[in-house]
Amino acid sequence: MIKQIDPKTCTGCGLCVDVCPTDVLRIDEGSRKAVIRYQENCMTCYNCELECPCDSIFVDPFRKPIQPIISYLKGDE
């Protein structure tokens, strides 16, 4: 799960917001920095941490990733 974003090193580029598949991050209007808005939705995919050019994001490596649930209809049912 995403644990923190260092506001001292975050430049507010928005790459983390763009790569997050579950919309956990936002750019704060006041500070113009990335902030965690919906931490409970984090899938622990590490996309934000890997894409951050400033190494400002820390994702807790000890939480097991949550697998996305994809439902679909089979043609033979």
N, C-alpha and C. Protein backbone atom coordinates (compact mmCIF):
# COMPACT_ATOMS: atom_id res chain seq x y z
N MET A 1 0.85 -1.18 0.00
CA MET A 1 0.00 0.00 0.00
C MET A 1 0.89 1.23 0.00
N ILE A 2 0.47 2.25 -0.70
CA ILE A 2 1.22 3.50 -0.72
C ILE A 2 1.24 4.09 0.69
N LYS A 3 2.42 4.43 1.16
CA LYS A 3 2.58 4.92 2.53
C LYS A 3 2.78 6.43 2.59
N GLN A 4 3.61 6.98 1.70
CA GLN A 4 3.87 8.42 1.80
C GLN A 4 4.41 8.99 0.51
N ILE A 5 4.22 10.30 0.39
CA ILE A 5 4.82 11.08 -0.68
C ILE A 5 5.57 12.21 0.02
N ASP A 6 6.85 12.33 -0.27
CA ASP A 6 7.68 13.36 0.36
C ASP A 6 7.40 14.71 -0.31
N PRO A 7 6.75 15.63 0.40
CA PRO A 7 6.42 16.92 -0.21
C PRO A 7 7.66 17.79 -0.46
N LYS A 8 8.75 17.46 0.20
CA LYS A 8 9.98 18.24 0.00
C LYS A 8 10.63 17.94 -1.35
N THR A 9 10.48 16.71 -1.83
CA THR A 9 11.13 16.34 -3.09
C THR A 9 10.15 16.24 -4.26
N CYS A 10 8.85 16.13 -3.99
CA CYS A 10 7.85 16.05 -5.05
C CYS A 10 7.81 17.37 -5.83
N THR A 11 7.86 17.27 -7.15
CA THR A 11 7.80 18.46 -8.00
C THR A 11 6.40 18.73 -8.53
N GLY A 12 5.48 17.80 -8.30
CA GLY A 12 4.11 17.98 -8.79
C GLY A 12 3.97 17.72 -10.27
N CYS A 13 4.83 16.89 -10.83
CA CYS A 13 4.80 16.62 -12.27
C CYS A 13 3.54 15.88 -12.71
N GLY A 14 2.95 15.08 -11.80
CA GLY A 14 1.71 14.38 -12.10
C GLY A 14 1.87 13.01 -12.73
N LEU A 15 3.09 12.54 -12.93
CA LEU A 15 3.28 11.21 -13.51
C LEU A 15 2.64 10.12 -12.67
N CYS A 16 2.76 10.25 -11.35
CA CYS A 16 2.19 9.23 -10.46
C CYS A 16 0.66 9.19 -10.59
N VAL A 17 0.06 10.34 -10.73
CA VAL A 17 -1.40 10.42 -10.90
C VAL A 17 -1.81 9.75 -12.20
N ASP A 18 -1.03 9.98 -13.25
CA ASP A 18 -1.33 9.42 -14.56
C ASP A 18 -1.22 7.90 -14.61
N VAL A 19 -0.27 7.33 -13.87
CA VAL A 19 -0.04 5.88 -13.97
C VAL A 19 -0.82 5.06 -12.94
N CYS A 20 -1.50 5.70 -12.02
CA CYS A 20 -2.23 4.96 -10.98
C CYS A 20 -3.51 4.36 -11.56
N PRO A 21 -3.64 3.02 -11.55
CA PRO A 21 -4.82 2.40 -12.14
C PRO A 21 -6.08 2.50 -11.28
N THR A 22 -5.94 2.88 -10.02
CA THR A 22 -7.11 2.95 -9.14
C THR A 22 -7.39 4.35 -8.63
N ASP A 23 -6.76 5.37 -9.23
CA ASP A 23 -7.10 6.76 -8.93
C ASP A 23 -6.86 7.13 -7.46
N VAL A 24 -5.75 6.65 -6.89
CA VAL A 24 -5.43 6.87 -5.48
C VAL A 24 -4.84 8.27 -5.25
N LEU A 25 -4.14 8.79 -6.23
CA LEU A 25 -3.38 10.03 -6.07
C LEU A 25 -4.02 11.21 -6.78
N ARG A 26 -3.74 12.38 -6.27
CA ARG A 26 -4.21 13.63 -6.85
C ARG A 26 -3.11 14.67 -6.72
N ILE A 27 -3.20 15.72 -7.52
CA ILE A 27 -2.35 16.88 -7.34
C ILE A 27 -3.15 17.88 -6.51
N ASP A 28 -2.60 18.26 -5.35
CA ASP A 28 -3.25 19.20 -4.46
C ASP A 28 -3.25 20.58 -5.09
N GLU A 29 -4.41 21.23 -5.12
CA GLU A 29 -4.54 22.54 -5.75
C GLU A 29 -3.71 23.60 -5.04
N GLY A 30 -3.62 23.51 -3.73
CA GLY A 30 -2.88 24.52 -2.97
C GLY A 30 -1.39 24.38 -3.08
N SER A 31 -0.89 23.19 -2.80
CA SER A 31 0.56 22.97 -2.79
C SER A 31 1.13 22.63 -4.16
N ARG A 32 0.26 22.20 -5.08
CA ARG A 32 0.67 21.76 -6.42
C ARG A 32 1.61 20.55 -6.34
N LYS A 33 1.41 19.73 -5.31
CA LYS A 33 2.19 18.51 -5.09
C LYS A 33 1.26 17.31 -5.10
N ALA A 34 1.81 16.13 -5.35
CA ALA A 34 1.02 14.91 -5.31
C ALA A 34 0.64 14.59 -3.87
N VAL A 35 -0.59 14.14 -3.69
CA VAL A 35 -1.08 13.73 -2.37
C VAL A 35 -1.86 12.43 -2.50
N ILE A 36 -1.89 11.68 -1.41
CA ILE A 36 -2.66 10.43 -1.36
C ILE A 36 -4.08 10.78 -0.97
N ARG A 37 -5.05 10.48 -1.83
CA ARG A 37 -6.45 10.79 -1.53
C ARG A 37 -7.27 9.56 -1.14
N TYR A 38 -7.01 8.44 -1.78
CA TYR A 38 -7.81 7.23 -1.54
C TYR A 38 -6.88 6.05 -1.27
N GLN A 39 -6.14 6.11 -0.17
CA GLN A 39 -5.12 5.12 0.16
C GLN A 39 -5.69 3.70 0.20
N GLU A 40 -6.91 3.56 0.69
CA GLU A 40 -7.51 2.22 0.80
C GLU A 40 -7.73 1.55 -0.55
N ASN A 41 -7.69 2.30 -1.64
CA ASN A 41 -7.86 1.74 -2.97
C ASN A 41 -6.55 1.31 -3.62
N CYS A 42 -5.43 1.51 -2.93
CA CYS A 42 -4.12 1.18 -3.49
C CYS A 42 -4.01 -0.32 -3.72
N MET A 43 -3.57 -0.70 -4.92
CA MET A 43 -3.40 -2.10 -5.30
C MET A 43 -1.97 -2.59 -5.07
N THR A 44 -1.09 -1.73 -4.58
CA THR A 44 0.32 -2.06 -4.37
C THR A 44 0.95 -2.53 -5.68
N CYS A 45 0.67 -1.81 -6.75
CA CYS A 45 1.22 -2.15 -8.06
C CYS A 45 2.60 -1.54 -8.28
N TYR A 46 2.97 -0.55 -7.47
CA TYR A 46 4.26 0.14 -7.53
C TYR A 46 4.43 1.05 -8.74
N ASN A 47 3.40 1.22 -9.55
CA ASN A 47 3.52 2.10 -10.72
C ASN A 47 3.96 3.50 -10.33
N CYS A 48 3.34 4.05 -9.31
CA CYS A 48 3.65 5.43 -8.91
C CYS A 48 5.09 5.54 -8.43
N GLU A 49 5.52 4.58 -7.62
CA GLU A 49 6.88 4.60 -7.09
C GLU A 49 7.92 4.44 -8.21
N LEU A 50 7.64 3.56 -9.14
CA LEU A 50 8.57 3.31 -10.24
C LEU A 50 8.66 4.49 -11.21
N GLU A 51 7.56 5.19 -11.43
CA GLU A 51 7.54 6.28 -12.40
C GLU A 51 7.97 7.63 -11.83
N CYS A 52 8.01 7.75 -10.52
CA CYS A 52 8.35 9.04 -9.91
C CYS A 52 9.81 9.41 -10.22
N PRO A 53 10.04 10.50 -10.95
CA PRO A 53 11.41 10.88 -11.31
C PRO A 53 12.20 11.44 -10.12
N CYS A 54 11.52 11.75 -9.03
CA CYS A 54 12.18 12.35 -7.87
C CYS A 54 12.33 11.38 -6.70
N ASP A 55 11.90 10.15 -6.86
CA ASP A 55 11.93 9.16 -5.78
C ASP A 55 11.23 9.67 -4.53
N SER A 56 10.09 10.33 -4.73
CA SER A 56 9.34 10.92 -3.62
C SER A 56 8.30 10.00 -3.02
N ILE A 57 8.04 8.86 -3.66
CA ILE A 57 6.94 8.00 -3.24
C ILE A 57 7.47 6.71 -2.63
N PHE A 58 6.85 6.31 -1.52
CA PHE A 58 7.21 5.05 -0.88
C PHE A 58 5.97 4.17 -0.79
N VAL A 59 6.06 2.99 -1.41
CA VAL A 59 5.01 1.98 -1.34
C VAL A 59 5.52 0.88 -0.42
N ASP A 60 4.71 0.52 0.57
CA ASP A 60 5.09 -0.49 1.55
C ASP A 60 5.26 -1.84 0.85
N PRO A 61 6.46 -2.40 0.86
CA PRO A 61 6.70 -3.66 0.15
C PRO A 61 6.18 -4.90 0.87
N PHE A 62 5.68 -4.75 2.08
CA PHE A 62 5.28 -5.92 2.85
C PHE A 62 3.80 -6.24 2.75
N ARG A 63 3.05 -5.42 2.09
CA ARG A 63 1.63 -5.73 1.89
C ARG A 63 1.49 -6.51 0.60
N LYS A 64 0.72 -7.55 0.65
CA LYS A 64 0.50 -8.35 -0.55
C LYS A 64 -0.36 -7.54 -1.53
N PRO A 65 -0.03 -7.61 -2.81
CA PRO A 65 -0.83 -6.91 -3.81
C PRO A 65 -2.26 -7.44 -3.85
N ILE A 66 -3.18 -6.55 -4.07
CA ILE A 66 -4.58 -6.92 -4.24
C ILE A 66 -4.82 -7.16 -5.72
N GLN A 67 -5.29 -8.33 -6.05
CA GLN A 67 -5.52 -8.66 -7.45
C GLN A 67 -6.83 -8.03 -7.92
N PRO A 68 -6.81 -7.38 -9.08
CA PRO A 68 -8.05 -6.82 -9.60
C PRO A 68 -9.04 -7.93 -9.95
N ILE A 69 -10.29 -7.66 -9.74
CA ILE A 69 -11.34 -8.63 -10.06
C ILE A 69 -11.97 -8.22 -11.39
N ILE A 70 -11.89 -9.12 -12.34
CA ILE A 70 -12.45 -8.86 -13.66
C ILE A 70 -13.56 -9.87 -13.89
N SER A 71 -14.75 -9.37 -14.10
CA SER A 71 -15.86 -10.28 -14.38
C SER A 71 -16.22 -10.17 -15.85
N TYR A 72 -16.61 -11.27 -16.40
CA TYR A 72 -17.03 -11.32 -17.79
C TYR A 72 -18.01 -12.46 -17.98
N LEU A 73 -18.72 -12.39 -19.05
CA LEU A 73 -19.70 -13.43 -19.38
C LEU A 73 -19.11 -14.35 -20.42
N LYS A 74 -19.23 -15.63 -20.18
CA LYS A 74 -18.80 -16.61 -21.16
C LYS A 74 -19.91 -16.82 -22.17
N GLY A 75 -19.54 -17.04 -23.39
CA GLY A 75 -20.51 -17.23 -24.46
C GLY A 75 -21.30 -18.52 -24.33
N ASP A 76 -20.77 -19.51 -23.61
CA ASP A 76 -21.45 -20.80 -23.53
C ASP A 76 -22.34 -20.94 -22.31
N GLU A 77 -22.51 -19.88 -21.54
CA GLU A 77 -23.37 -19.98 -20.35
C GLU A 77 -24.73 -19.38 -20.61
